[in-house]
């Protein structure tokens, strides 16, 4: 199969945040800032919604900087937003998985935002934690304006692990006009079952004081909104969990809910626990799923018929 970037060359196809490259961090040790032409950037993006700067890692394919200037403008890439879990950071995925190889293999730009312990929604109690707005609007706008991306819903995907799995589906289900493809690895699909865990109450307030607020922010309660979307074609959804994972029952329940509502999706249960071994392995499957979606999306974006 031809890569998307190569197809773009053959066919000669032809928002507001401020950022700059900062020194990379590894194990808490400051490293030299990436040189021009580096395939891995650590960028700082100013969030107007939160009034503060958020760090992100951006990984581009090996050949991203290799094209001549007169050709490069026509080489555009899809983007995968890859979210970390609770108590994690934007550095987790780049340290645990070989994102450079994956970005090059699938010809995709991979963006790892620092979601902190936000749960990736706009906190109604903490104005400094507005991550739904940051990721779905501010960060997407920045990446599309500073990297050679296909600025189109068909060419964006989002996935993540644990808290990030919750965040990826939460954001995609609520913003189908932004993310056409989405996934989750060991995601927490029902936060109402964990009222005292992982700083969720710091973002939503005490559960007993406002159960409705908690319910409104749970992924399992976004399905009706997903069903009501009039955008066509419908989103590409994949999620999975380990057989011995702490959230396996929640994931099975979401799968059953989607089946009942007639919403197409891929759901997989594999051996594994809530661990990096499981998530790094799972990422390979997600990239393959998204690559197929990007290929179809490219055809749709250019008015070509598809077999699906």
Protein backbone atom coordinates (compact mmCIF):
# COMPACT_ATOMS: atom_id res chain seq x y z
CA UNK A 1 0.00 0.00 0.00
CA UNK A 2 1.38 3.41 -0.92
CA UNK A 3 2.03 5.71 2.03
CA UNK A 4 -0.26 8.70 2.39
CA UNK A 5 2.65 11.10 1.94
CA UNK A 6 3.70 9.36 -1.29
CA UNK A 7 0.14 9.44 -2.59
CA UNK A 8 0.08 13.15 -1.82
CA UNK A 9 3.24 13.74 -3.83
CA UNK A 10 1.94 11.77 -6.78
CA UNK A 11 -1.31 13.71 -6.88
CA UNK A 12 0.41 17.08 -6.13
CA UNK A 13 -2.20 18.16 -3.65
CA UNK A 14 -2.00 21.27 -2.79
CA UNK A 15 -5.53 29.38 14.94
CA UNK A 16 -4.31 30.92 17.65
CA UNK A 17 -1.68 29.79 20.07
CA UNK A 18 1.95 30.69 20.54
CA UNK A 19 4.71 28.18 21.04
CA UNK A 20 8.42 27.57 20.89
CA UNK A 21 10.79 24.65 21.09
CA UNK A 22 12.19 23.99 24.56
CA UNK A 23 14.94 21.73 25.89
CA UNK A 24 13.90 18.09 26.02
CA UNK A 25 13.65 16.28 29.32
CA UNK A 26 14.61 12.70 29.97
CA UNK A 27 14.35 11.25 33.45
CA UNK A 28 14.17 14.78 34.85
CA UNK A 29 17.47 15.75 33.17
CA UNK A 30 17.42 18.68 30.78
CA UNK A 31 18.73 17.83 27.32
CA UNK A 32 19.75 20.05 24.44
CA UNK A 33 16.94 21.58 22.43
CA UNK A 34 16.31 19.64 19.21
CA UNK A 35 18.17 20.99 16.22
CA UNK A 36 16.40 22.14 13.09
CA UNK A 37 15.29 19.07 11.20
CA UNK A 38 14.85 16.93 14.32
CA UNK A 39 12.10 14.31 14.18
CA UNK A 40 11.15 14.90 17.85
CA UNK A 41 10.14 18.33 19.16
CA UNK A 42 9.19 19.39 22.65
CA UNK A 43 6.95 22.41 22.21
CA UNK A 44 5.20 24.79 24.57
CA UNK A 45 1.73 25.93 23.55
CA UNK A 46 0.01 28.84 25.23
CA UNK A 47 -3.54 27.96 26.22
CA UNK A 48 -5.77 31.00 26.19
CA UNK A 49 -8.49 28.99 27.93
CA UNK A 50 -6.23 28.24 30.92
CA UNK A 51 -3.95 31.27 30.78
CA UNK A 52 -0.83 29.12 30.94
CA UNK A 53 1.66 27.20 28.83
CA UNK A 54 1.32 23.45 28.23
CA UNK A 55 4.16 21.20 27.06
CA UNK A 56 3.80 18.63 24.30
CA UNK A 57 6.01 16.20 22.40
CA UNK A 58 5.61 16.04 18.63
CA UNK A 59 7.11 13.14 16.65
CA UNK A 60 7.29 13.35 12.86
CA UNK A 61 8.26 10.65 10.34
CA UNK A 62 11.93 10.29 9.47
CA UNK A 63 11.41 11.74 5.99
CA UNK A 64 9.41 14.77 7.19
CA UNK A 65 12.34 17.18 6.75
CA UNK A 66 14.00 15.46 3.81
CA UNK A 67 11.93 16.79 0.91
CA UNK A 68 13.05 19.73 -1.18
CA UNK A 69 11.26 22.97 -0.43
CA UNK A 70 9.34 22.98 -3.70
CA UNK A 71 7.93 19.53 -2.90
CA UNK A 72 7.57 19.71 0.88
CA UNK A 73 4.52 21.98 0.84
CA UNK A 74 2.59 19.25 -0.96
CA UNK A 75 3.57 16.53 1.53
CA UNK A 76 1.00 16.46 4.31
CA UNK A 77 0.41 13.95 7.09
CA UNK A 78 -2.43 12.69 9.28
CA UNK A 79 -2.10 13.28 13.03
CA UNK A 80 -2.51 10.97 16.02
CA UNK A 81 -3.05 12.59 19.42
CA UNK A 82 -1.73 10.15 22.02
CA UNK A 83 -2.79 10.70 25.65
CA UNK A 84 -1.07 9.55 28.85
CA UNK A 85 -2.65 8.21 32.03
CA UNK A 86 -3.12 9.54 35.57
CA UNK A 87 0.03 10.69 37.36
CA UNK A 88 1.77 10.70 33.98
CA UNK A 89 3.08 13.36 31.61
CA UNK A 90 3.76 14.19 27.97
CA UNK A 91 7.07 12.32 28.30
CA UNK A 92 5.54 8.92 29.13
CA UNK A 93 4.74 7.62 25.66
CA UNK A 94 8.02 8.79 24.03
CA UNK A 95 9.99 7.01 26.78
CA UNK A 96 8.01 3.78 26.72
CA UNK A 97 7.27 3.21 23.02
CA UNK A 98 9.28 3.65 19.83
CA UNK A 99 7.12 6.45 18.50
CA UNK A 100 9.74 7.43 15.92
CA UNK A 101 9.54 4.07 14.21
CA UNK A 102 5.75 4.05 14.34
CA UNK A 103 5.50 7.58 12.95
CA UNK A 104 7.78 6.61 10.06
CA UNK A 105 6.14 3.24 9.41
CA UNK A 106 2.63 4.71 9.22
CA UNK A 107 3.58 8.17 7.90
CA UNK A 108 1.78 9.94 10.71
CA UNK A 109 2.60 12.82 13.05
CA UNK A 110 2.21 11.78 16.70
CA UNK A 111 1.39 14.43 19.32
CA UNK A 112 1.69 13.71 23.06
CA UNK A 113 0.17 16.54 25.13
CA UNK A 114 0.79 17.03 28.84
CA UNK A 115 -2.70 16.31 30.14
CA UNK A 116 -1.54 16.43 33.76
CA UNK A 117 -4.26 14.91 35.98
CA UNK A 118 -7.00 16.78 34.13
CA UNK A 119 -9.02 13.78 32.93
CA UNK A 120 -9.09 15.72 29.66
CA UNK A 121 -12.29 17.63 30.29
CA UNK A 122 -12.97 21.27 31.11
CA UNK A 123 -13.11 21.37 34.89
CA UNK A 124 -16.13 23.30 36.20
CA UNK A 125 -14.28 23.96 39.48
CA UNK A 126 -10.71 24.69 38.35
CA UNK A 127 -10.16 27.31 35.60
CA UNK A 128 -6.56 26.13 35.22
CA UNK A 129 -7.78 22.72 34.04
CA UNK A 130 -9.60 23.28 30.74
CA UNK A 131 -8.19 20.41 28.72
CA UNK A 132 -11.20 19.64 26.54
CA UNK A 133 -10.87 23.10 25.03
CA UNK A 134 -7.08 22.90 24.96
CA UNK A 135 -6.78 19.62 23.06
CA UNK A 136 -9.84 19.75 20.80
CA UNK A 137 -9.39 23.40 19.79
CA UNK A 138 -6.14 25.10 20.80
CA UNK A 139 -3.66 22.27 20.33
CA UNK A 140 -5.26 21.00 17.11
CA UNK A 141 -5.19 24.55 15.70
CA UNK A 142 -1.54 24.95 16.66
CA UNK A 143 -0.43 21.64 15.17
CA UNK A 144 -2.32 22.29 11.93
CA UNK A 145 -0.76 25.74 11.58
CA UNK A 146 2.83 24.75 12.44
CA UNK A 147 3.17 21.28 10.88
CA UNK A 148 2.31 19.93 7.46
CA UNK A 149 -0.93 18.22 8.36
CA UNK A 150 -4.14 17.38 6.56
CA UNK A 151 -6.36 19.80 8.51
CA UNK A 152 -9.42 17.60 8.16
CA UNK A 153 -11.42 15.43 10.58
CA UNK A 154 -10.80 12.39 8.39
CA UNK A 155 -7.08 12.69 9.03
CA UNK A 156 -7.11 13.03 12.83
CA UNK A 157 -7.18 10.26 15.40
CA UNK A 158 -6.97 10.27 19.19
CA UNK A 159 -6.25 7.48 21.65
CA UNK A 160 -4.67 6.93 25.04
CA UNK A 161 -4.23 4.71 28.06
CA UNK A 162 -6.27 4.56 31.27
CA UNK A 163 -7.16 8.21 32.07
CA UNK A 164 -6.04 8.94 28.51
CA UNK A 165 -8.35 6.23 27.17
CA UNK A 166 -11.22 7.95 28.93
CA UNK A 167 -10.01 11.28 27.58
CA UNK A 168 -9.65 10.11 23.99
CA UNK A 169 -13.18 8.72 23.73
CA UNK A 170 -14.65 11.59 25.75
CA UNK A 171 -13.10 14.16 23.41
CA UNK A 172 -13.87 12.25 20.22
CA UNK A 173 -17.48 11.50 21.11
CA UNK A 174 -18.06 15.16 21.95
CA UNK A 175 -16.11 16.52 18.97
CA UNK A 176 -16.76 14.23 16.00
CA UNK A 177 -16.11 17.20 13.72
CA UNK A 178 -12.50 17.23 14.97
CA UNK A 179 -11.62 13.54 15.44
CA UNK A 180 -12.92 11.02 12.92
CA UNK A 181 -11.03 8.12 14.50
CA UNK A 182 -10.61 7.32 18.18
CA UNK A 183 -9.49 4.62 20.56
CA UNK A 184 -8.82 3.65 24.14
CA UNK A 185 -6.47 1.25 25.90
CA UNK A 186 -7.61 0.15 29.37
CA UNK A 187 -9.76 3.27 29.62
CA UNK A 188 -11.79 4.23 32.66
CA UNK A 189 -15.23 4.32 31.07
CA UNK A 190 -17.25 5.16 34.18
CA UNK A 191 -15.60 7.67 36.51
CA UNK A 192 -18.64 7.64 38.83
CA UNK A 193 -17.40 4.33 40.21
CA UNK A 194 -14.20 5.98 41.47
CA UNK A 195 -15.29 9.05 43.46
CA UNK A 196 -12.15 9.20 45.61
CA UNK A 197 -9.49 8.14 43.14
CA UNK A 198 -6.91 9.76 40.83
CA UNK A 199 -7.79 13.42 41.56
CA UNK A 200 -11.11 13.23 39.72
CA UNK A 201 -12.84 15.02 42.60
CA UNK A 202 -10.32 17.86 42.27
CA UNK A 203 -11.63 18.42 38.74
CA UNK A 204 -15.38 17.89 39.32
CA UNK A 205 -15.92 18.53 43.01
CA UNK A 206 -17.14 16.01 45.55
CA UNK A 207 -19.20 13.20 44.02
CA UNK A 208 -21.89 13.21 46.69
CA UNK A 209 -22.41 16.95 46.21
CA UNK A 210 -23.09 16.75 42.48
CA UNK A 211 -23.62 13.26 41.10
CA UNK A 212 -25.16 14.64 37.92
CA UNK A 213 -21.99 16.56 37.10
CA UNK A 214 -19.93 13.39 37.47
CA UNK A 215 -22.37 11.45 35.32
CA UNK A 216 -22.20 14.08 32.57
CA UNK A 217 -18.41 13.69 32.38
CA UNK A 218 -18.31 9.87 32.15
CA UNK A 219 -17.55 8.29 28.77
CA UNK A 220 -20.31 5.72 29.20
CA UNK A 221 -22.82 8.58 29.28
CA UNK A 222 -21.64 10.14 26.01
CA UNK A 223 -23.05 7.34 23.86
CA UNK A 224 -26.43 8.96 23.22
CA UNK A 225 -24.64 12.09 22.04
CA UNK A 226 -22.46 9.93 19.80
CA UNK A 227 -25.56 8.23 18.39
CA UNK A 228 -27.17 11.60 17.71
CA UNK A 229 -24.29 12.86 15.55
CA UNK A 230 -25.38 13.60 11.98
CA UNK A 231 -21.86 13.63 10.56
CA UNK A 232 -21.22 11.00 7.89
CA UNK A 233 -19.42 8.71 7.64
CA UNK A 234 -19.62 7.77 11.31
CA UNK A 235 -16.52 7.70 13.48
CA UNK A 236 -14.02 4.83 13.53
CA UNK A 237 -13.90 3.52 17.11
CA UNK A 238 -11.54 0.95 18.59
CA UNK A 239 -10.94 0.12 22.23
CA UNK A 240 -9.48 -2.77 24.14
CA UNK A 241 -8.60 -3.96 27.61
CA UNK A 242 -6.59 -6.66 29.33
CA UNK A 243 -8.44 -9.65 30.71
CA UNK A 244 -7.05 -8.93 34.20
CA UNK A 245 -7.31 -5.14 34.02
CA UNK A 246 -9.02 -3.10 36.73
CA UNK A 247 -11.42 -1.56 34.16
CA UNK A 248 -12.33 -4.69 32.20
CA UNK A 249 -15.96 -4.78 33.39
CA UNK A 250 -16.44 -1.10 32.43
CA UNK A 251 -15.03 -1.73 28.97
CA UNK A 252 -17.24 -4.75 28.38
CA UNK A 253 -20.23 -2.70 29.53
CA UNK A 254 -19.39 0.09 27.05
CA UNK A 255 -19.04 -2.49 24.27
CA UNK A 256 -22.47 -3.90 25.09
CA UNK A 257 -23.95 -0.41 25.20
CA UNK A 258 -22.56 0.40 21.75
CA UNK A 259 -23.88 -2.90 20.37
CA UNK A 260 -27.33 -2.13 21.79
CA UNK A 261 -27.30 1.32 20.17
CA UNK A 262 -26.15 -0.08 16.82
CA UNK A 263 -22.89 1.88 16.82
CA UNK A 264 -20.11 0.23 14.82
CA UNK A 265 -16.84 -0.26 16.69
CA UNK A 266 -13.97 -2.65 17.31
CA UNK A 267 -13.58 -4.09 20.80
CA UNK A 268 -10.84 -6.49 21.82
CA UNK A 269 -9.97 -8.30 25.05
CA UNK A 270 -6.40 -9.57 25.30
CA UNK A 271 -4.36 -11.17 28.07
CA UNK A 272 -2.87 -8.46 30.25
CA UNK A 273 -3.07 -6.11 33.18
CA UNK A 274 -2.94 -2.36 33.74
CA UNK A 275 0.68 -2.09 32.61
CA UNK A 276 3.01 -0.55 30.06
CA UNK A 277 3.70 -3.96 28.55
CA UNK A 278 0.04 -4.14 27.62
CA UNK A 279 -0.25 -0.53 26.34
CA UNK A 280 2.89 -0.58 24.20
CA UNK A 281 1.66 -3.78 22.56
CA UNK A 282 -1.83 -2.32 22.13
CA UNK A 283 -0.48 0.79 20.40
CA UNK A 284 0.64 -1.34 17.44
CA UNK A 285 -2.95 -2.45 16.86
CA UNK A 286 -4.29 1.09 17.21
CA UNK A 287 -1.81 2.46 14.65
CA UNK A 288 -2.83 -0.22 12.15
CA UNK A 289 -6.53 0.55 12.73
CA UNK A 290 -5.94 4.29 12.32
CA UNK A 291 -3.77 3.81 9.24
CA UNK A 292 -6.63 2.03 7.51
CA UNK A 293 -8.99 4.84 8.55
CA UNK A 294 -6.55 7.49 7.28
CA UNK A 295 -6.28 5.73 3.93
CA UNK A 296 -10.06 5.69 3.57
CA UNK A 297 -10.26 9.25 4.89
CA UNK A 298 -7.79 10.42 2.27
CA UNK A 299 -10.01 9.00 -0.44
CA UNK A 300 -13.11 10.63 1.03
CA UNK A 301 -11.31 13.95 1.45
CA UNK A 302 -10.45 13.89 -2.25
CA UNK A 303 -13.86 12.80 -3.49
CA UNK A 304 -12.83 9.26 -4.30
CA UNK A 305 -15.15 6.32 -3.75
CA UNK A 306 -14.33 3.72 -1.10
CA UNK A 307 -15.26 0.09 -0.70
CA UNK A 308 -16.66 0.69 2.83
